[in-house]
Amino acid sequence: MTVQTASLAGLDLRAEIDRLRKEKNAVILAHYYQRPEIQDLADYIGDSLELSRKAAASDADVIAFCGVKFMAETAKILAPEKTVILPDVNAGCSLEDSCPPEKFAAFRKAHPDHIALTYINCSTEVKALSDIIVTSSSAETILQQIPREQKIIFGPDRHLGGYLSRKFDREMLLWPGVCIVHEAFSETELLKLKAQHPGAPIAAHPECPPAIVDHADYVGSTSGILNYAKATDADTLIVATEPHIIHQMQLAMPGKTFIGAPGADGNCNCNVCPYMALNTLEKLYVALRDLTPRVEIEEGLRLRAKRSLDRMLEMASGTVGKGDLGAR
């Protein structure tokens, strides 16, 4: 969607978004990787698991999802009766792109004795081909409920899958996808930064390569990293994930210093997610005004995808027994 910014000149966008939010009975969900100005006006800010729960529980008529396409699709899967809009329809994900449904289906067919434990950063079609969806904040809890003898395919993020495999000594077949944001961090530059701030712990997202994760004092989801920042006694923290999470850290802990982990060029500019950055206040305003672009999913596909998401929400809460698990 192309927004004609000139036609919006003179509008108080925040006031107009507030007006439309009330008029349309809309809730605005924003991921931690969104621009600060979007985070500041969102009704809820969170990681994928938190926002999935908010989408499922919301009594709003409209969900404006400020994130990327797979997140908005997840909201529609869980709340089909609601109108779900995404400010920029081109806000995709490199992990989703790395895992075409037809290739994933063939991979599953080649390993019929494996269950598919699939990261939420994937298309609705891949969710429909999966047994259990996980997020970075729920993956460990869910993996520990799967019997050790059960064979597992993990995709599409090989770094998250590899981290889980090493931590829990679980052999898994890993799909070879990566996140272009977390892949861009440089071990060499990180060590230089650590030498400049020797007392600063490193908090890293498990989508980072092993060379980054191995230096981290804490590894976890975006919400986990935020909670770690609140809990640590350190007054300086190095953050190895998309740098817009730092906005929430600065709001919550103005007395601490947060430094984004550097990319190969010695700064963190290359680690801004280009897809998340597509959403702007202008696009959010137009999306609420026109209730478009809308997320629409064919009902049969939605129900197949919902099965794996429901399993995630149940297992993240510990309400599914081990006897319920097994290859399809």
C-alpha atoms as a PDB file:
ATOM      1  CA  MET A   1       0.000   0.000   0.000  1.00  0.00           C
ATOM      2  CA  THR A   2       1.314   3.441  -0.931  1.00  0.00           C
ATOM      3  CA  VAL A   3       0.328   6.270   1.358  1.00  0.00           C
ATOM      4  CA  GLN A   4       0.165   9.741  -0.176  1.00  0.00           C
ATOM      5  CA  THR A   5       1.828  11.506   2.720  1.00  0.00           C
ATOM      6  CA  ALA A   6       1.155  14.932   1.240  1.00  0.00           C
ATOM      7  CA  SER A   7      -2.603  14.370   1.480  1.00  0.00           C
ATOM      8  CA  LEU A   8      -2.213  13.819   5.229  1.00  0.00           C
ATOM      9  CA  ALA A   9      -0.354  17.075   5.809  1.00  0.00           C
ATOM     10  CA  GLY A  10      -1.754  19.066   8.694  1.00  0.00           C
ATOM     11  CA  LEU A  11      -3.453  16.093  10.338  1.00  0.00           C
ATOM     12  CA  ASP A  12      -2.718  15.353  13.966  1.00  0.00           C
ATOM     13  CA  LEU A  13      -2.127  11.683  13.286  1.00  0.00           C
ATOM     14  CA  ARG A  14      -2.075  10.593  16.915  1.00  0.00           C
ATOM     15  CA  ALA A  15      -5.364  12.353  17.610  1.00  0.00           C
ATOM     16  CA  GLU A  16      -6.923  10.931  14.435  1.00  0.00           C
ATOM     17  CA  ILE A  17      -5.745   7.407  15.264  1.00  0.00           C
ATOM     18  CA  ASP A  18      -7.245   7.769  18.738  1.00  0.00           C
ATOM     19  CA  ARG A  19     -10.520   8.978  17.225  1.00  0.00           C
ATOM     20  CA  LEU A  20     -10.675   6.098  14.751  1.00  0.00           C
ATOM     21  CA  ARG A  21      -9.710   3.564  17.399  1.00  0.00           C
ATOM     22  CA  LYS A  22     -12.778   4.570  19.437  1.00  0.00           C
ATOM     23  CA  GLU A  23     -15.063   4.997  16.433  1.00  0.00           C
ATOM     24  CA  LYS A  24     -14.253   1.553  14.983  1.00  0.00           C
ATOM     25  CA  ASN A  25     -13.897  -0.235  18.345  1.00  0.00           C
ATOM     26  CA  ALA A  26     -10.354  -1.136  17.379  1.00  0.00           C
ATOM     27  CA  VAL A  27      -7.421  -2.402  19.404  1.00  0.00           C
ATOM     28  CA  ILE A  28      -3.874  -1.632  18.300  1.00  0.00           C
ATOM     29  CA  LEU A  29      -1.312  -4.373  18.895  1.00  0.00           C
ATOM     30  CA  ALA A  30       2.373  -3.585  18.422  1.00  0.00           C
ATOM     31  CA  HIS A  31       5.431  -5.786  18.515  1.00  0.00           C
ATOM     32  CA  TYR A  32       8.530  -4.620  20.400  1.00  0.00           C
ATOM     33  CA  TYR A  33      10.297  -4.192  17.036  1.00  0.00           C
ATOM     34  CA  GLN A  34       7.955  -1.428  15.896  1.00  0.00           C
ATOM     35  CA  ARG A  35       8.946   2.226  15.673  1.00  0.00           C
ATOM     36  CA  PRO A  36       8.807   4.052  19.043  1.00  0.00           C
ATOM     37  CA  GLU A  37       5.952   6.301  17.914  1.00  0.00           C
ATOM     38  CA  ILE A  38       3.822   3.232  17.158  1.00  0.00           C
ATOM     39  CA  GLN A  39       4.740   1.541  20.436  1.00  0.00           C
ATOM     40  CA  ASP A  40       3.743   4.711  22.290  1.00  0.00           C
ATOM     41  CA  LEU A  41       0.161   4.676  21.023  1.00  0.00           C
ATOM     42  CA  ALA A  42      -0.485   0.915  21.010  1.00  0.00           C
ATOM     43  CA  ASP A  43      -3.019  -0.604  23.366  1.00  0.00           C
ATOM     44  CA  TYR A  44      -0.747  -3.595  23.894  1.00  0.00           C
ATOM     45  CA  ILE A  45       2.949  -4.114  23.221  1.00  0.00           C
ATOM     46  CA  GLY A  46       4.502  -7.549  23.375  1.00  0.00           C
ATOM     47  CA  ASP A  47       6.225 -10.498  21.772  1.00  0.00           C
ATOM     48  CA  SER A  48       4.528 -13.016  19.498  1.00  0.00           C
ATOM     49  CA  LEU A  49       3.086 -15.142  22.305  1.00  0.00           C
ATOM     50  CA  GLU A  50       1.753 -12.190  24.306  1.00  0.00           C
ATOM     51  CA  LEU A  51       0.154 -10.619  21.245  1.00  0.00           C
ATOM     52  CA  SER A  52      -1.355 -13.949  20.142  1.00  0.00           C
ATOM     53  CA  ARG A  53      -3.083 -14.184  23.506  1.00  0.00           C
ATOM     54  CA  LYS A  54      -4.284 -10.582  23.316  1.00  0.00           C
ATOM     55  CA  ALA A  55      -5.711 -11.192  19.842  1.00  0.00           C
ATOM     56  CA  ALA A  56      -7.580 -14.276  21.020  1.00  0.00           C
ATOM     57  CA  ALA A  57      -8.990 -12.545  24.103  1.00  0.00           C
ATOM     58  CA  SER A  58      -9.832  -9.112  22.710  1.00  0.00           C
ATOM     59  CA  ASP A  59     -13.445  -7.932  22.571  1.00  0.00           C
ATOM     60  CA  ALA A  60     -12.629  -5.319  19.920  1.00  0.00           C
ATOM     61  CA  ASP A  61     -14.281  -5.460  16.497  1.00  0.00           C
ATOM     62  CA  VAL A  62     -11.059  -4.492  14.724  1.00  0.00           C
ATOM     63  CA  ILE A  63      -7.473  -5.577  15.360  1.00  0.00           C
ATOM     64  CA  ALA A  64      -4.849  -3.257  13.903  1.00  0.00           C
ATOM     65  CA  PHE A  65      -1.703  -5.348  14.031  1.00  0.00           C
ATOM     66  CA  CYS A  66       1.475  -3.325  13.894  1.00  0.00           C
ATOM     67  CA  GLY A  67       3.946  -6.053  13.187  1.00  0.00           C
ATOM     68  CA  VAL A  68       4.475  -8.311  10.197  1.00  0.00           C
ATOM     69  CA  LYS A  69       2.151 -10.395   8.060  1.00  0.00           C
ATOM     70  CA  PHE A  70       2.447 -13.729   9.885  1.00  0.00           C
ATOM     71  CA  MET A  71       1.519 -11.981  13.155  1.00  0.00           C
ATOM     72  CA  ALA A  72      -1.603 -10.417  11.657  1.00  0.00           C
ATOM     73  CA  GLU A  73      -2.528 -13.758  10.110  1.00  0.00           C
ATOM     74  CA  THR A  74      -2.142 -15.399  13.528  1.00  0.00           C
ATOM     75  CA  ALA A  75      -4.588 -12.868  14.953  1.00  0.00           C
ATOM     76  CA  LYS A  76      -7.094 -13.691  12.203  1.00  0.00           C
ATOM     77  CA  ILE A  77      -6.669 -17.440  12.754  1.00  0.00           C
ATOM     78  CA  LEU A  78      -7.438 -17.048  16.451  1.00  0.00           C
ATOM     79  CA  ALA A  79     -10.152 -14.401  16.068  1.00  0.00           C
ATOM     80  CA  PRO A  80     -11.864 -14.997  12.697  1.00  0.00           C
ATOM     81  CA  GLU A  81     -14.909 -12.914  13.567  1.00  0.00           C
ATOM     82  CA  LYS A  82     -12.792  -9.773  13.873  1.00  0.00           C
ATOM     83  CA  THR A  83     -11.562  -7.482  11.134  1.00  0.00           C
ATOM     84  CA  VAL A  84      -7.759  -7.707  11.147  1.00  0.00           C
ATOM     85  CA  ILE A  85      -5.765  -5.028   9.365  1.00  0.00           C
ATOM     86  CA  LEU A  86      -2.043  -4.667   8.724  1.00  0.00           C
ATOM     87  CA  PRO A  87      -0.744  -1.134   8.035  1.00  0.00           C
ATOM     88  CA  ASP A  88       1.568  -2.342   5.237  1.00  0.00           C
ATOM     89  CA  VAL A  89       0.721  -5.552   3.422  1.00  0.00           C
ATOM     90  CA  ASN A  90       4.373  -5.888   2.339  1.00  0.00           C
ATOM     91  CA  ALA A  91       5.579  -6.305   5.929  1.00  0.00           C
ATOM     92  CA  GLY A  92       6.833  -9.855   5.557  1.00  0.00           C
ATOM     93  CA  CYS A  93       9.496 -11.963   7.262  1.00  0.00           C
ATOM     94  CA  SER A  94      12.717 -13.550   6.021  1.00  0.00           C
ATOM     95  CA  LEU A  95      11.986 -16.692   8.030  1.00  0.00           C
ATOM     96  CA  GLU A  96       8.573 -17.067   6.428  1.00  0.00           C
ATOM     97  CA  ASP A  97      10.140 -16.536   3.003  1.00  0.00           C
ATOM     98  CA  SER A  98      12.722 -19.248   3.709  1.00  0.00           C
ATOM     99  CA  CYS A  99      10.067 -21.937   4.165  1.00  0.00           C
ATOM    100  CA  PRO A 100       7.748 -22.341   1.150  1.00  0.00           C
ATOM    101  CA  PRO A 101       4.744 -24.514   2.057  1.00  0.00           C
ATOM    102  CA  GLU A 102       5.210 -26.966  -0.809  1.00  0.00           C
ATOM    103  CA  LYS A 103       8.825 -27.650   0.153  1.00  0.00           C
ATOM    104  CA  PHE A 104       7.914 -27.979   3.833  1.00  0.00           C
ATOM    105  CA  ALA A 105       5.136 -30.439   2.930  1.00  0.00           C
ATOM    106  CA  ALA A 106       7.618 -32.550   0.958  1.00  0.00           C
ATOM    107  CA  PHE A 107      10.068 -32.466   3.869  1.00  0.00           C
ATOM    108  CA  ARG A 108       7.364 -33.643   6.245  1.00  0.00           C
ATOM    109  CA  LYS A 109       6.357 -36.417   3.863  1.00  0.00           C
ATOM    110  CA  ALA A 110       9.953 -37.627   3.759  1.00  0.00           C
ATOM    111  CA  HIS A 111       9.994 -37.933   7.573  1.00  0.00           C
ATOM    112  CA  PRO A 112       6.569 -39.331   8.547  1.00  0.00           C
ATOM    113  CA  ASP A 113       7.698 -40.430  12.010  1.00  0.00           C
ATOM    114  CA  HIS A 114       8.600 -36.845  13.021  1.00  0.00           C
ATOM    115  CA  ILE A 115       6.285 -34.230  14.464  1.00  0.00           C
ATOM    116  CA  ALA A 116       6.663 -30.682  13.169  1.00  0.00           C
ATOM    117  CA  LEU A 117       7.500 -28.250  15.947  1.00  0.00           C
ATOM    118  CA  THR A 118       7.339 -24.990  14.025  1.00  0.00           C
ATOM    119  CA  TYR A 119       8.328 -21.465  14.951  1.00  0.00           C
ATOM    120  CA  ILE A 120       5.487 -18.973  14.688  1.00  0.00           C
ATOM    121  CA  ASN A 121       7.506 -16.961  12.126  1.00  0.00           C
ATOM    122  CA  CYS A 122       5.960 -18.853   9.201  1.00  0.00           C
ATOM    123  CA  SER A 123       3.019 -18.653   6.837  1.00  0.00           C
ATOM    124  CA  THR A 124      -0.506 -19.807   7.612  1.00  0.00           C
ATOM    125  CA  GLU A 125       0.018 -22.642   5.126  1.00  0.00           C
ATOM    126  CA  VAL A 126       3.073 -23.890   7.034  1.00  0.00           C
ATOM    127  CA  LYS A 127       1.192 -23.598  10.332  1.00  0.00           C
ATOM    128  CA  ALA A 128      -1.488 -25.818   8.790  1.00  0.00           C
ATOM    129  CA  LEU A 129       1.194 -28.397   7.970  1.00  0.00           C
ATOM    130  CA  SER A 130       2.562 -28.326  11.531  1.00  0.00           C
ATOM    131  CA  ASP A 131       1.700 -30.174  14.731  1.00  0.00           C
ATOM    132  CA  ILE A 132       2.700 -27.560  17.307  1.00  0.00           C
ATOM    133  CA  ILE A 133       3.620 -23.895  16.906  1.00  0.00           C
ATOM    134  CA  VAL A 134       6.122 -22.332  19.295  1.00  0.00           C
ATOM    135  CA  THR A 135       7.325 -18.825  20.002  1.00  0.00           C
ATOM    136  CA  SER A 136      10.727 -17.916  21.368  1.00  0.00           C
ATOM    137  CA  SER A 137       9.131 -17.425  24.795  1.00  0.00           C
ATOM    138  CA  SER A 138       7.189 -20.721  24.784  1.00  0.00           C
ATOM    139  CA  ALA A 139       9.556 -23.064  22.923  1.00  0.00           C
ATOM    140  CA  GLU A 140      11.439 -24.346  25.963  1.00  0.00           C
ATOM    141  CA  THR A 141       8.274 -25.019  27.958  1.00  0.00           C
ATOM    142  CA  ILE A 142       6.691 -26.843  25.036  1.00  0.00           C
ATOM    143  CA  LEU A 143       9.765 -28.879  24.073  1.00  0.00           C
ATOM    144  CA  GLN A 144      10.065 -30.229  27.606  1.00  0.00           C
ATOM    145  CA  GLN A 145       6.541 -31.683  27.313  1.00  0.00           C
ATOM    146  CA  ILE A 146       7.418 -33.744  24.222  1.00  0.00           C
ATOM    147  CA  PRO A 147       8.627 -37.286  24.988  1.00  0.00           C
ATOM    148  CA  ARG A 148      12.351 -37.711  24.359  1.00  0.00           C
ATOM    149  CA  GLU A 149      11.737 -40.642  22.036  1.00  0.00           C
ATOM    150  CA  GLN A 150       9.544 -38.540  19.762  1.00  0.00           C
ATOM    151  CA  LYS A 151      11.415 -37.439  16.623  1.00  0.00           C
ATOM    152  CA  ILE A 152      11.105 -33.736  15.796  1.00  0.00           C
ATOM    153  CA  ILE A 153      11.354 -31.478  12.778  1.00  0.00           C
ATOM    154  CA  PHE A 154      12.044 -27.874  13.785  1.00  0.00           C
ATOM    155  CA  GLY A 155      11.662 -24.999  11.365  1.00  0.00           C
ATOM    156  CA  PRO A 156      12.039 -22.520   9.928  1.00  0.00           C
ATOM    157  CA  ASP A 157      14.736 -20.962  12.180  1.00  0.00           C
ATOM    158  CA  ARG A 158      17.801 -23.194  12.400  1.00  0.00           C
ATOM    159  CA  HIS A 159      19.417 -20.963  15.031  1.00  0.00           C
ATOM    160  CA  LEU A 160      16.482 -21.181  17.457  1.00  0.00           C
ATOM    161  CA  GLY A 161      16.170 -24.897  16.748  1.00  0.00           C
ATOM    162  CA  GLY A 162      19.898 -25.403  17.242  1.00  0.00           C
ATOM    163  CA  TYR A 163      19.846 -23.500  20.516  1.00  0.00           C
ATOM    164  CA  LEU A 164      17.012 -25.687  21.827  1.00  0.00           C
ATOM    165  CA  SER A 165      18.753 -28.819  20.592  1.00  0.00           C
ATOM    166  CA  ARG A 166      21.981 -27.947  22.407  1.00  0.00           C
ATOM    167  CA  LYS A 167      20.319 -26.774  25.608  1.00  0.00           C
ATOM    168  CA  PHE A 168      18.083 -29.836  26.029  1.00  0.00           C
ATOM    169  CA  ASP A 169      20.261 -32.400  24.243  1.00  0.00           C
ATOM    170  CA  ARG A 170      17.445 -33.126  21.782  1.00  0.00           C
ATOM    171  CA  GLU A 171      18.283 -34.214  18.278  1.00  0.00           C
ATOM    172  CA  MET A 172      16.084 -32.415  15.755  1.00  0.00           C
ATOM    173  CA  LEU A 173      15.934 -32.104  11.997  1.00  0.00           C
ATOM    174  CA  LEU A 174      16.424 -28.381  11.385  1.00  0.00           C
ATOM    175  CA  TRP A 175      14.967 -26.410   8.491  1.00  0.00           C
ATOM    176  CA  PRO A 176      17.765 -24.115   7.187  1.00  0.00           C
ATOM    177  CA  GLY A 177      16.050 -20.722   7.582  1.00  0.00           C
ATOM    178  CA  VAL A 178      17.498 -17.677   9.373  1.00  0.00           C
ATOM    179  CA  CYS A 179      16.339 -14.212  10.421  1.00  0.00           C
ATOM    180  CA  ILE A 180      18.219 -11.601   8.399  1.00  0.00           C
ATOM    181  CA  VAL A 181      18.201  -9.229  11.386  1.00  0.00           C
ATOM    182  CA  HIS A 182      19.760 -11.583  13.928  1.00  0.00           C
ATOM    183  CA  GLU A 183      22.090 -13.100  11.353  1.00  0.00           C
ATOM    184  CA  ALA A 184      23.678  -9.664  10.886  1.00  0.00           C
ATOM    185  CA  PHE A 185      25.277  -9.424  14.339  1.00  0.00           C
ATOM    186  CA  SER A 186      29.077  -9.659  14.344  1.00  0.00           C
ATOM    187  CA  GLU A 187      30.938 -11.703  16.940  1.00  0.00           C
ATOM    188  CA  THR A 188      34.118  -9.685  16.385  1.00  0.00           C
ATOM    189  CA  GLU A 189      32.358  -6.355  16.866  1.00  0.00           C
ATOM    190  CA  LEU A 190      30.439  -7.715  19.851  1.00  0.00           C
ATOM    191  CA  LEU A 191      33.693  -8.674  21.569  1.00  0.00           C
ATOM    192  CA  LYS A 192      35.106  -5.214  20.875  1.00  0.00           C
ATOM    193  CA  LEU A 193      32.011  -3.666  22.460  1.00  0.00           C
ATOM    194  CA  LYS A 194      32.236  -6.013  25.439  1.00  0.00           C
ATOM    195  CA  ALA A 195      35.871  -4.954  25.949  1.00  0.00           C
ATOM    196  CA  GLN A 196      34.717  -1.327  26.084  1.00  0.00           C
ATOM    197  CA  HIS A 197      32.041  -2.211  28.669  1.00  0.00           C
ATOM    198  CA  PRO A 198      33.500  -5.160  30.614  1.00  0.00           C
ATOM    199  CA  GLY A 199      30.832  -5.093  33.318  1.00  0.00           C
ATOM    200  CA  ALA A 200      27.903  -5.071  30.913  1.00  0.00           C
ATOM    201  CA  PRO A 201      26.019  -8.366  30.493  1.00  0.00           C
ATOM    202  CA  ILE A 202      24.850  -9.423  27.048  1.00  0.00           C
ATOM    203  CA  ALA A 203      21.202 -10.362  26.434  1.00  0.00           C
ATOM    204  CA  ALA A 204      20.575 -12.170  23.151  1.00  0.00           C
ATOM    205  CA  HIS A 205      17.598 -13.496  21.240  1.00  0.00           C
ATOM    206  CA  PRO A 206      17.835 -17.215  20.350  1.00  0.00           C
ATOM    207  CA  GLU A 207      17.420 -16.343  16.665  1.00  0.00           C
ATOM    208  CA  CYS A 208      21.060 -15.163  16.847  1.00  0.00           C
ATOM    209  CA  PRO A 209      23.794 -17.478  15.518  1.00  0.00           C
ATOM    210  CA  PRO A 210      25.650 -19.653  18.070  1.00  0.00           C
ATOM    211  CA  ALA A 211      28.704 -17.363  17.934  1.00  0.00           C
ATOM    212  CA  ILE A 212      26.557 -14.584  19.453  1.00  0.00           C
ATOM    213  CA  VAL A 213      24.449 -16.733  21.796  1.00  0.00           C
ATOM    214  CA  ASP A 214      27.576 -18.347  23.282  1.00  0.00           C
ATOM    215  CA  HIS A 215      28.710 -14.950  24.612  1.00  0.00           C
ATOM    216  CA  ALA A 216      25.339 -14.070  26.128  1.00  0.00           C
ATOM    217  CA  ASP A 217      24.612 -13.886  29.833  1.00  0.00           C
ATOM    218  CA  TYR A 218      20.912 -14.259  29.059  1.00  0.00           C
ATOM    219  CA  VAL A 219      19.164 -15.831  26.057  1.00  0.00           C
ATOM    220  CA  GLY A 220      15.445 -15.375  25.575  1.00  0.00           C
ATOM    221  CA  SER A 221      12.511 -13.810  23.764  1.00  0.00           C
ATOM    222  CA  THR A 222      11.978 -10.077  23.458  1.00  0.00           C
ATOM    223  CA  SER A 223       9.767 -10.051  26.557  1.00  0.00           C
ATOM    224  CA  GLY A 224      12.320 -12.207  28.353  1.00  0.00           C
ATOM    225  CA  ILE A 225      15.118  -9.799  27.452  1.00  0.00           C
ATOM    226  CA  LEU A 226      13.025  -6.891  28.720  1.00  0.00           C
ATOM    227  CA  ASN A 227      12.389  -8.676  32.015  1.00  0.00           C
ATOM    228  CA  TYR A 228      16.072  -9.546  32.332  1.00  0.00           C
ATOM    229  CA  ALA A 229      16.959  -5.877  31.841  1.00  0.00           C
ATOM    230  CA  LYS A 230      14.629  -4.996  34.717  1.00  0.00           C
ATOM    231  CA  ALA A 231      16.043  -7.696  36.973  1.00  0.00           C
ATOM    232  CA  THR A 232      19.783  -7.263  36.435  1.00  0.00           C
ATOM    233  CA  ASP A 233      21.782  -5.079  38.798  1.00  0.00           C
ATOM    234  CA  ALA A 234      24.015  -3.967  35.942  1.00  0.00           C
ATOM    235  CA  ASP A 235      23.618  -0.328  34.923  1.00  0.00           C
ATOM    236  CA  THR A 236      24.641  -1.067  31.307  1.00  0.00           C
ATOM    237  CA  LEU A 237      23.276  -3.858  29.103  1.00  0.00           C
ATOM    238  CA  ILE A 238      24.276  -4.972  25.600  1.00  0.00           C
ATOM    239  CA  VAL A 239      21.201  -6.048  23.638  1.00  0.00           C
ATOM    240  CA  ALA A 240      21.515  -8.522  20.753  1.00  0.00           C
ATOM    241  CA  THR A 241      18.135  -8.309  19.081  1.00  0.00           C
ATOM    242  CA  GLU A 242      16.259  -5.804  16.910  1.00  0.00           C
ATOM    243  CA  PRO A 243      17.110  -2.456  18.535  1.00  0.00           C
ATOM    244  CA  HIS A 244      13.580  -1.043  18.817  1.00  0.00           C
ATOM    245  CA  ILE A 245      13.131  -3.137  21.978  1.00  0.00           C
ATOM    246  CA  ILE A 246      15.483  -0.640  23.604  1.00  0.00           C
ATOM    247  CA  HIS A 247      12.701   1.976  23.523  1.00  0.00           C
ATOM    248  CA  GLN A 248      10.690   0.005  26.104  1.00  0.00           C
ATOM    249  CA  MET A 249      13.813  -0.525  28.196  1.00  0.00           C
ATOM    250  CA  GLN A 250      14.552   3.182  28.268  1.00  0.00           C
ATOM    251  CA  LEU A 251      10.970   3.991  29.256  1.00  0.00           C
ATOM    252  CA  ALA A 252      10.994   1.431  32.074  1.00  0.00           C
ATOM    253  CA  MET A 253      14.568   1.997  33.264  1.00  0.00           C
ATOM    254  CA  PRO A 254      15.680   5.552  32.452  1.00  0.00           C
ATOM    255  CA  GLY A 255      18.647   5.251  34.815  1.00  0.00           C
ATOM    256  CA  LYS A 256      20.240   2.410  32.854  1.00  0.00           C
ATOM    257  CA  THR A 257      22.202   2.419  29.598  1.00  0.00           C
ATOM    258  CA  PHE A 258      21.274   0.050  26.774  1.00  0.00           C
ATOM    259  CA  ILE A 259      23.587  -0.570  23.830  1.00  0.00           C
ATOM    260  CA  GLY A 260      22.482  -2.370  20.684  1.00  0.00           C
ATOM    261  CA  ALA A 261      24.857  -5.154  19.658  1.00  0.00           C
ATOM    262  CA  PRO A 262      26.768  -4.166  16.518  1.00  0.00           C
ATOM    263  CA  GLY A 263      26.681  -5.544  13.014  1.00  0.00           C
ATOM    264  CA  ALA A 264      29.697  -6.186  10.835  1.00  0.00           C
ATOM    265  CA  ASP A 265      30.157  -2.460  10.194  1.00  0.00           C
ATOM    266  CA  GLY A 266      30.491  -1.743  13.910  1.00  0.00           C
ATOM    267  CA  ASN A 267      26.989  -0.340  14.464  1.00  0.00           C
ATOM    268  CA  CYS A 268      23.481  -1.734  14.789  1.00  0.00           C
ATOM    269  CA  ASN A 269      21.834   0.044  11.823  1.00  0.00           C
ATOM    270  CA  CYS A 270      21.904  -3.165   9.767  1.00  0.00           C
ATOM    271  CA  ASN A 271      19.929  -4.880  12.523  1.00  0.00           C
ATOM    272  CA  VAL A 272      16.776  -2.790  12.132  1.00  0.00           C
ATOM    273  CA  CYS A 273      14.135  -5.108  10.672  1.00  0.00           C
ATOM    274  CA  PRO A 274      13.269  -3.705   7.225  1.00  0.00           C
ATOM    275  CA  TYR A 275       9.855  -5.371   7.319  1.00  0.00           C
ATOM    276  CA  MET A 276       8.828  -4.028  10.720  1.00  0.00           C
ATOM    277  CA  ALA A 277       9.999  -0.583   9.588  1.00  0.00           C
ATOM    278  CA  LEU A 278       7.404  -0.518   6.806  1.00  0.00           C
ATOM    279  CA  ASN A 279       4.639   0.294   9.285  1.00  0.00           C
ATOM    280  CA  THR A 280       4.257   4.021   9.977  1.00  0.00           C
ATOM    281  CA  LEU A 281       1.753   6.283  11.709  1.00  0.00           C
ATOM    282  CA  GLU A 282       0.505   7.452   8.312  1.00  0.00           C
ATOM    283  CA  LYS A 283      -0.145   3.886   7.171  1.00  0.00           C
ATOM    284  CA  LEU A 284      -1.785   2.987  10.475  1.00  0.00           C
ATOM    285  CA  TYR A 285      -4.115   5.976  10.179  1.00  0.00           C
ATOM    286  CA  VAL A 286      -5.129   5.055   6.614  1.00  0.00           C
ATOM    287  CA  ALA A 287      -5.605   1.398   7.569  1.00  0.00           C
ATOM    288  CA  LEU A 288      -7.940   2.352  10.425  1.00  0.00           C
ATOM    289  CA  ARG A 289      -9.771   4.902   8.280  1.00  0.00           C
ATOM    290  CA  ASP A 290     -10.385   2.504   5.380  1.00  0.00           C
ATOM    291  CA  LEU A 291     -10.193  -0.830   7.257  1.00  0.00           C
ATOM    292  CA  THR A 292      -7.725  -2.098   4.700  1.00  0.00           C
ATOM    293  CA  PRO A 293      -5.450  -3.941   3.941  1.00  0.00           C
ATOM    294  CA  ARG A 294      -7.480  -6.724   5.533  1.00  0.00           C
ATOM    295  CA  VAL A 295      -6.168 -10.159   6.388  1.00  0.00           C
ATOM    296  CA  GLU A 296      -8.426 -12.852   4.936  1.00  0.00           C
ATOM    297  CA  ILE A 297      -7.882 -16.608   5.287  1.00  0.00           C
ATOM    298  CA  GLU A 298      -9.886 -19.428   3.691  1.00  0.00           C
ATOM    299  CA  GLU A 299     -11.829 -21.199   6.445  1.00  0.00           C
ATOM    300  CA  GLY A 300     -10.512 -24.708   5.888  1.00  0.00           C
ATOM    301  CA  LEU A 301      -6.937 -23.470   5.922  1.00  0.00           C
ATOM    302  CA  ARG A 302      -7.636 -21.351   8.998  1.00  0.00           C
ATOM    303  CA  LEU A 303      -8.980 -24.321  10.937  1.00  0.00           C
ATOM    304  CA  ARG A 304      -5.982 -26.478  10.041  1.00  0.00           C
ATOM    305  CA  ALA A 305      -3.607 -23.732  11.147  1.00  0.00           C
ATOM    306  CA  LYS A 306      -5.604 -23.051  14.303  1.00  0.00           C
ATOM    307  CA  ARG A 307      -5.070 -26.618  15.488  1.00  0.00           C
ATOM    308  CA  SER A 308      -1.319 -26.113  15.812  1.00  0.00           C
ATOM    309  CA  LEU A 309      -1.744 -22.673  17.387  1.00  0.00           C
ATOM    310  CA  ASP A 310      -4.258 -23.988  19.915  1.00  0.00           C
ATOM    311  CA  ARG A 311      -1.742 -26.672  20.847  1.00  0.00           C
ATOM    312  CA  MET A 312       0.843 -23.924  21.414  1.00  0.00           C
ATOM    313  CA  LEU A 313      -1.444 -21.901  23.661  1.00  0.00           C
ATOM    314  CA  GLU A 314      -2.434 -25.000  25.642  1.00  0.00           C
ATOM    315  CA  MET A 315       1.114 -26.308  26.050  1.00  0.00           C
ATOM    316  CA  ALA A 316       2.517 -22.888  26.890  1.00  0.00           C
ATOM    317  CA  SER A 317       0.116 -23.007  29.837  1.00  0.00           C
ATOM    318  CA  GLY A 318       1.007 -26.624  30.609  1.00  0.00           C
ATOM    319  CA  THR A 319      -2.513 -27.958  29.955  1.00  0.00           C
ATOM    320  CA  VAL A 320      -1.682 -30.697  27.397  1.00  0.00           C
ATOM    321  CA  GLY A 321      -0.563 -34.121  28.565  1.00  0.00           C
ATOM    322  CA  LYS A 322       2.344 -35.988  27.008  1.00  0.00           C
ATOM    323  CA  GLY A 323      -0.014 -38.698  25.850  1.00  0.00           C
ATOM    324  CA  ASP A 324      -1.626 -36.182  23.477  1.00  0.00           C
ATOM    325  CA  LEU A 325       1.564 -35.785  21.466  1.00  0.00           C
ATOM    326  CA  GLY A 326       2.746 -37.763  18.497  1.00  0.00           C
ATOM    327  CA  ALA A 327       3.367 -37.684  14.775  1.00  0.00           C
ATOM    328  CA  ARG A 328       0.333 -37.123  12.590  1.00  0.00           C
END
